[in-house]
Amino acid sequence: MPLHRRPAATVSVLLAATLAACTGSSEAPASTESSASTAAVSHIHGLGLDPADNRLYVATHEGVVQVLDDGSARRVSDTADYMAFTVAGAHTFLGSGHPADDGAGHADRGLLRSTDAGRTWKTVSLGGEADFHALEYAHGTVYGYDSTHGLLRVSGDGLEWDDRAELAALDIAVSPDDPDLVLATTERGVARSTDGGRTFAQGARPVLAFVSWAASDAVYGIGLDGGLYLSTDAGSNWKQAGTVPGGRPQDLTAVDAEHVLAATQDGVYASRDGGTTFTERLPVASAPGH
């Protein structure tokens, strides 16, 4: 049966544990670079590897941070709040969120794009209209969960949008093989759509905060307790693959069937063995209220 939108209060068990109450407004000022030690990272909203150089980028409440293999890190962007983040290609990122505290413009910045690896950002569409809390780029298409209106929106060019199902969700994932197969995390579990997100079945356990579809037979999810789950049958069945250190999850990105990136309240961790072991890539100093 279709999964209809629920008031935000009814999903508080799932969402309040992982979402920061972030506010602000729109266009990004010029790039500001600093070391991670001087730019506190208090809450993470997105993870991704730039295919141009395989460097790790972390979208945070205080801007976009680049993490190098030697453990050094620096903020490469402004200090805006990037609520959603995904890598769309070499040096090309998509995002959403709110401006820095001293920024001007819309509080909800709509769909943002960076073509210089996160240094500068421009609103592409829906400025002042949408606050995406999850973005996926697959099959040449942008899939976004608009938290302002509680619905899935899909665009082939980032300019014109097709509004699809209304639902209360935290994250989405799109099959790498089938553009019509979409998963969403809800308070009842993982909800599944087979028509491109126009309708969703009721969520089924386990209850996961974030999901990421790495390969045809590898979709990963992370629970509120940090448990990492793997499905090899497009999200129908799940088994626990490991546990991510650091407490409550903040984001999850599966690079491939074995390489998983996860952010928790204490740090960003990477696994190259499907979740059996994890290595810290970036510490996080959680701030009150985030």
Protein backbone atom coordinates (compact mmCIF):
# COMPACT_ATOMS: atom_id res chain seq x y z
CA MET A 1 0.00 0.00 0.00
CA PRO A 2 1.22 3.56 -0.55
CA LEU A 3 3.17 5.23 2.20
CA HIS A 4 1.65 8.64 2.85
CA ARG A 5 3.31 11.61 4.44
CA ARG A 6 3.20 11.75 8.25
CA PRO A 7 3.53 14.82 10.45
CA ALA A 8 7.12 15.41 11.54
CA ALA A 9 6.27 14.69 15.19
CA THR A 10 5.34 11.09 14.43
CA VAL A 11 8.79 10.30 13.07
CA SER A 12 10.68 11.90 15.93
CA VAL A 13 12.01 8.58 17.23
CA LEU A 14 13.90 8.09 13.99
CA LEU A 15 14.60 11.63 12.88
CA ALA A 16 15.31 13.57 16.07
CA ALA A 17 18.17 11.23 16.91
CA THR A 18 20.01 12.08 13.72
CA LEU A 19 18.88 15.45 12.34
CA ALA A 20 20.26 18.76 13.56
CA ALA A 21 17.81 21.62 13.90
CA CYS A 22 19.56 23.88 11.39
CA THR A 23 18.43 27.27 10.17
CA GLY A 24 19.95 29.98 8.03
CA SER A 25 19.71 31.60 4.57
CA SER A 26 21.29 31.31 0.84
CA GLU A 27 24.05 32.21 -1.62
CA ALA A 28 27.56 31.07 -0.75
CA PRO A 29 30.23 33.72 -0.16
CA ALA A 30 33.76 33.28 -1.42
CA SER A 31 35.69 30.17 -0.44
CA THR A 32 37.40 30.11 2.96
CA GLU A 33 40.04 27.48 3.68
CA SER A 34 41.26 26.50 7.12
CA SER A 35 42.60 23.49 8.93
CA ALA A 36 40.11 21.12 10.53
CA SER A 37 41.74 21.83 13.88
CA THR A 38 40.65 25.47 13.69
CA ALA A 39 37.31 24.78 11.98
CA ALA A 40 35.31 22.63 14.38
CA VAL A 41 33.27 19.82 12.86
CA SER A 42 30.23 19.38 15.06
CA HIS A 43 27.74 17.63 12.79
CA ILE A 44 28.06 15.80 9.48
CA HIS A 45 25.46 15.69 6.71
CA GLY A 46 27.30 14.04 3.82
CA LEU A 47 30.29 11.99 2.71
CA GLY A 48 31.80 11.30 -0.69
CA LEU A 49 34.95 10.55 -2.68
CA ASP A 50 35.88 12.78 -5.60
CA PRO A 51 36.59 10.38 -8.50
CA ALA A 52 39.18 12.83 -9.82
CA ASP A 53 41.61 12.02 -7.00
CA ASN A 54 39.73 9.74 -4.56
CA ARG A 55 39.95 12.35 -1.83
CA LEU A 56 37.33 12.25 0.91
CA TYR A 57 34.98 15.21 1.29
CA VAL A 58 32.77 15.72 4.33
CA ALA A 59 29.78 18.07 4.27
CA THR A 60 29.18 19.54 7.71
CA HIS A 61 27.22 22.08 9.68
CA GLU A 62 30.21 24.40 9.21
CA GLY A 63 31.14 23.88 5.56
CA VAL A 64 32.79 21.22 3.40
CA VAL A 65 35.96 19.58 4.69
CA GLN A 66 38.56 17.76 2.59
CA VAL A 67 40.30 14.83 4.33
CA LEU A 68 43.64 13.56 3.00
CA ASP A 69 45.12 10.07 3.32
CA ASP A 70 47.72 11.27 5.84
CA GLY A 71 44.94 12.29 8.22
CA SER A 72 45.20 16.02 7.62
CA ALA A 73 41.99 17.90 6.92
CA ARG A 74 40.93 21.39 5.94
CA ARG A 75 37.73 23.22 5.25
CA VAL A 76 37.65 24.09 1.55
CA SER A 77 34.31 25.90 1.36
CA ASP A 78 32.60 28.72 3.18
CA THR A 79 31.08 28.03 6.61
CA ALA A 80 27.54 27.40 5.40
CA ASP A 81 25.47 24.46 6.63
CA TYR A 82 25.36 21.75 3.93
CA MET A 83 22.35 19.62 4.89
CA ALA A 84 22.59 17.30 1.88
CA PHE A 85 25.60 16.29 -0.21
CA THR A 86 26.47 13.89 -3.00
CA VAL A 87 29.23 13.52 -5.57
CA ALA A 88 27.94 13.77 -9.14
CA GLY A 89 31.27 13.52 -10.99
CA ALA A 90 34.89 14.66 -11.00
CA HIS A 91 35.13 17.84 -8.89
CA THR A 92 31.31 18.10 -9.20
CA PHE A 93 29.20 17.99 -6.06
CA LEU A 94 25.51 18.59 -5.37
CA GLY A 95 24.23 19.93 -2.07
CA SER A 96 21.57 21.83 -0.19
CA GLY A 97 21.20 23.59 3.13
CA HIS A 98 21.46 27.00 4.71
CA PRO A 99 23.96 29.87 4.56
CA ALA A 100 26.47 30.74 7.25
CA ASP A 101 25.21 32.78 10.19
CA ASP A 102 26.48 35.97 8.55
CA GLY A 103 25.26 34.97 5.07
CA ALA A 104 22.56 36.66 3.04
CA GLY A 105 19.78 35.32 0.87
CA HIS A 106 17.28 32.51 1.24
CA ALA A 107 17.21 30.39 4.38
CA ASP A 108 16.58 27.31 2.22
CA ARG A 109 19.07 27.27 -0.65
CA GLY A 110 17.40 24.65 -2.87
CA LEU A 111 19.69 22.57 -5.09
CA LEU A 112 23.32 23.69 -5.01
CA ARG A 113 26.13 22.71 -7.36
CA SER A 114 29.89 23.00 -7.05
CA THR A 115 32.19 22.31 -10.02
CA ASP A 116 35.44 23.02 -8.15
CA ALA A 117 35.37 20.26 -5.51
CA GLY A 118 33.32 22.17 -2.96
CA ARG A 119 35.17 25.45 -2.93
CA THR A 120 32.34 27.54 -4.37
CA TRP A 121 28.64 26.78 -4.68
CA LYS A 122 25.77 28.16 -6.74
CA THR A 123 22.04 27.66 -6.33
CA VAL A 124 20.78 25.85 -9.44
CA SER A 125 17.07 25.79 -8.63
CA LEU A 126 14.43 25.96 -5.88
CA GLY A 127 16.22 28.68 -3.93
CA GLY A 128 13.93 29.80 -1.13
CA GLU A 129 11.58 26.89 -1.86
CA ALA A 130 13.27 23.64 -0.86
CA ASP A 131 15.61 22.29 1.79
CA PHE A 132 16.91 18.92 0.62
CA HIS A 133 18.05 16.64 3.43
CA ALA A 134 19.05 13.80 1.10
CA LEU A 135 20.36 13.85 -2.46
CA GLU A 136 21.31 11.08 -4.85
CA TYR A 137 22.71 11.36 -8.37
CA ALA A 138 22.06 8.24 -10.44
CA HIS A 139 21.27 7.47 -14.08
CA GLY A 140 21.98 11.09 -14.98
CA THR A 141 19.15 12.14 -12.66
CA VAL A 142 18.95 14.01 -9.36
CA TYR A 143 16.78 12.44 -6.66
CA GLY A 144 16.15 14.64 -3.63
CA TYR A 145 14.17 14.38 -0.42
CA ASP A 146 12.74 17.84 0.21
CA SER A 147 12.24 18.11 3.97
CA THR A 148 10.43 21.44 3.62
CA HIS A 149 7.49 19.77 1.89
CA GLY A 150 8.07 16.15 2.93
CA LEU A 151 8.30 14.73 -0.56
CA LEU A 152 10.61 13.12 -3.06
CA ARG A 153 11.53 15.32 -6.03
CA VAL A 154 13.28 14.14 -9.19
CA SER A 155 15.02 16.14 -11.92
CA GLY A 156 16.85 15.26 -15.10
CA ASP A 157 18.62 18.60 -15.40
CA GLY A 158 18.52 20.07 -11.89
CA LEU A 159 16.22 22.85 -13.10
CA GLU A 160 12.79 21.34 -13.69
CA TRP A 161 11.45 19.01 -11.00
CA ASP A 162 8.87 16.24 -10.87
CA ASP A 163 7.20 16.02 -7.45
CA ARG A 164 6.65 12.42 -6.47
CA ALA A 165 5.61 10.65 -3.26
CA GLU A 166 4.90 12.50 -0.04
CA LEU A 167 6.49 10.68 2.89
CA ALA A 168 8.38 11.27 6.12
CA ALA A 169 11.89 9.99 5.49
CA LEU A 170 15.45 10.64 6.54
CA ASP A 171 17.44 9.20 3.63
CA ILE A 172 17.04 7.72 0.16
CA ALA A 173 19.02 5.37 -2.07
CA VAL A 174 18.62 4.57 -5.77
CA SER A 175 19.46 1.27 -7.43
CA PRO A 176 22.54 1.52 -9.67
CA ASP A 177 20.76 -0.78 -12.15
CA ASP A 178 17.16 0.44 -12.13
CA PRO A 179 16.19 4.14 -11.97
CA ASP A 180 12.71 3.16 -10.77
CA LEU A 181 13.91 1.26 -7.69
CA VAL A 182 14.25 3.64 -4.73
CA LEU A 183 14.60 2.99 -1.00
CA ALA A 184 13.73 5.42 1.81
CA THR A 185 14.37 5.18 5.54
CA THR A 186 11.26 5.77 7.66
CA GLU A 187 10.16 5.25 11.26
CA ARG A 188 8.69 1.86 10.29
CA GLY A 189 11.77 0.66 8.45
CA VAL A 190 13.01 0.71 4.89
CA ALA A 191 10.29 1.69 2.41
CA ARG A 192 10.59 0.54 -1.20
CA SER A 193 9.41 2.09 -4.46
CA THR A 194 9.40 0.34 -7.82
CA ASP A 195 8.04 3.28 -9.83
CA GLY A 196 10.74 5.89 -9.39
CA GLY A 197 9.48 7.16 -6.06
CA ARG A 198 5.91 7.92 -7.12
CA THR A 199 4.61 5.49 -4.50
CA PHE A 200 6.27 3.60 -1.64
CA ALA A 201 5.26 0.45 0.18
CA GLN A 202 5.09 0.59 3.96
CA GLY A 203 8.48 0.45 5.61
CA ALA A 204 9.78 -2.92 6.74
CA ARG A 205 12.33 -3.68 9.44
CA PRO A 206 15.09 -3.13 10.25
CA VAL A 207 14.65 0.54 11.12
CA LEU A 208 17.66 2.27 9.57
CA ALA A 209 18.75 5.90 9.65
CA PHE A 210 20.73 6.00 6.40
CA VAL A 211 21.07 3.81 3.32
CA SER A 212 23.54 3.76 0.43
CA TRP A 213 23.43 1.59 -2.70
CA ALA A 214 26.96 0.66 -3.71
CA ALA A 215 26.51 -2.07 -6.27
CA SER A 216 23.86 -4.34 -7.75
CA ASP A 217 24.12 -6.81 -4.86
CA ALA A 218 25.26 -4.45 -2.10
CA VAL A 219 23.03 -1.87 -0.44
CA TYR A 220 24.16 -0.82 3.02
CA GLY A 221 22.22 0.70 5.90
CA ILE A 222 23.10 1.96 9.36
CA GLY A 223 20.85 1.72 12.39
CA LEU A 224 20.44 4.18 15.25
CA ASP A 225 22.82 2.11 17.37
CA GLY A 226 25.58 2.19 14.72
CA GLY A 227 24.88 -1.31 13.45
CA LEU A 228 25.86 -1.66 9.78
CA TYR A 229 23.49 -3.77 7.68
CA LEU A 230 23.87 -5.27 4.22
CA SER A 231 21.22 -6.34 1.73
CA THR A 232 22.16 -8.36 -1.33
CA ASP A 233 18.60 -8.49 -2.71
CA ALA A 234 17.74 -4.83 -3.30
CA GLY A 235 16.64 -4.11 0.25
CA SER A 236 14.20 -6.99 0.75
CA ASN A 237 16.31 -8.74 3.39
CA TRP A 238 19.08 -7.44 5.62
CA LYS A 239 21.83 -8.92 7.78
CA GLN A 240 24.17 -7.12 10.15
CA ALA A 241 27.65 -6.81 8.67
CA GLY A 242 29.34 -5.01 11.56
CA THR A 243 29.16 -2.03 13.90
CA VAL A 244 30.42 1.47 13.17
CA PRO A 245 32.28 3.02 16.13
CA GLY A 246 31.30 6.31 17.69
CA GLY A 247 27.64 6.24 18.64
CA ARG A 248 24.65 7.61 16.75
CA PRO A 249 24.99 7.76 12.96
CA GLN A 250 25.10 10.99 10.98
CA ASP A 251 25.65 9.73 7.43
CA LEU A 252 26.54 6.71 5.31
CA THR A 253 28.10 6.35 1.85
CA ALA A 254 29.02 3.02 0.28
CA VAL A 255 31.74 3.50 -2.33
CA ASP A 256 31.60 -0.08 -3.60
CA ALA A 257 30.61 -3.51 -2.34
CA GLU A 258 33.40 -3.53 0.27
CA HIS A 259 34.34 0.13 0.81
CA VAL A 260 32.00 1.91 3.23
CA LEU A 261 32.22 5.41 4.73
CA ALA A 262 30.19 6.21 7.83
CA ALA A 263 29.88 9.26 10.07
CA THR A 264 28.82 8.99 13.70
CA GLN A 265 28.68 11.51 16.52
CA ASP A 266 32.37 10.87 17.26
CA GLY A 267 33.96 10.72 13.82
CA VAL A 268 34.13 9.62 10.21
CA TYR A 269 35.11 5.99 9.74
CA ALA A 270 36.03 3.88 6.72
CA SER A 271 35.81 0.14 6.15
CA ARG A 272 37.34 -1.69 3.19
CA ASP A 273 36.11 -5.14 4.21
CA GLY A 274 32.36 -4.69 4.13
CA GLY A 275 32.04 -3.46 7.69
CA THR A 276 34.13 -6.03 9.51
CA THR A 277 36.69 -3.43 10.61
CA PHE A 278 36.75 0.39 10.59
CA THR A 279 39.48 3.03 10.60
CA GLU A 280 38.91 6.59 11.79
CA ARG A 281 39.38 9.21 9.04
CA LEU A 282 38.22 12.34 10.86
CA PRO A 283 37.33 13.02 14.51
CA VAL A 284 34.13 14.91 15.30
CA ALA A 285 33.64 17.19 18.28
CA SER A 286 29.88 17.08 18.77
CA ALA A 287 28.35 20.35 19.85
CA PRO A 288 25.28 20.69 22.09
CA GLY A 289 22.08 20.86 20.04
CA HIS A 290 23.58 19.33 16.88
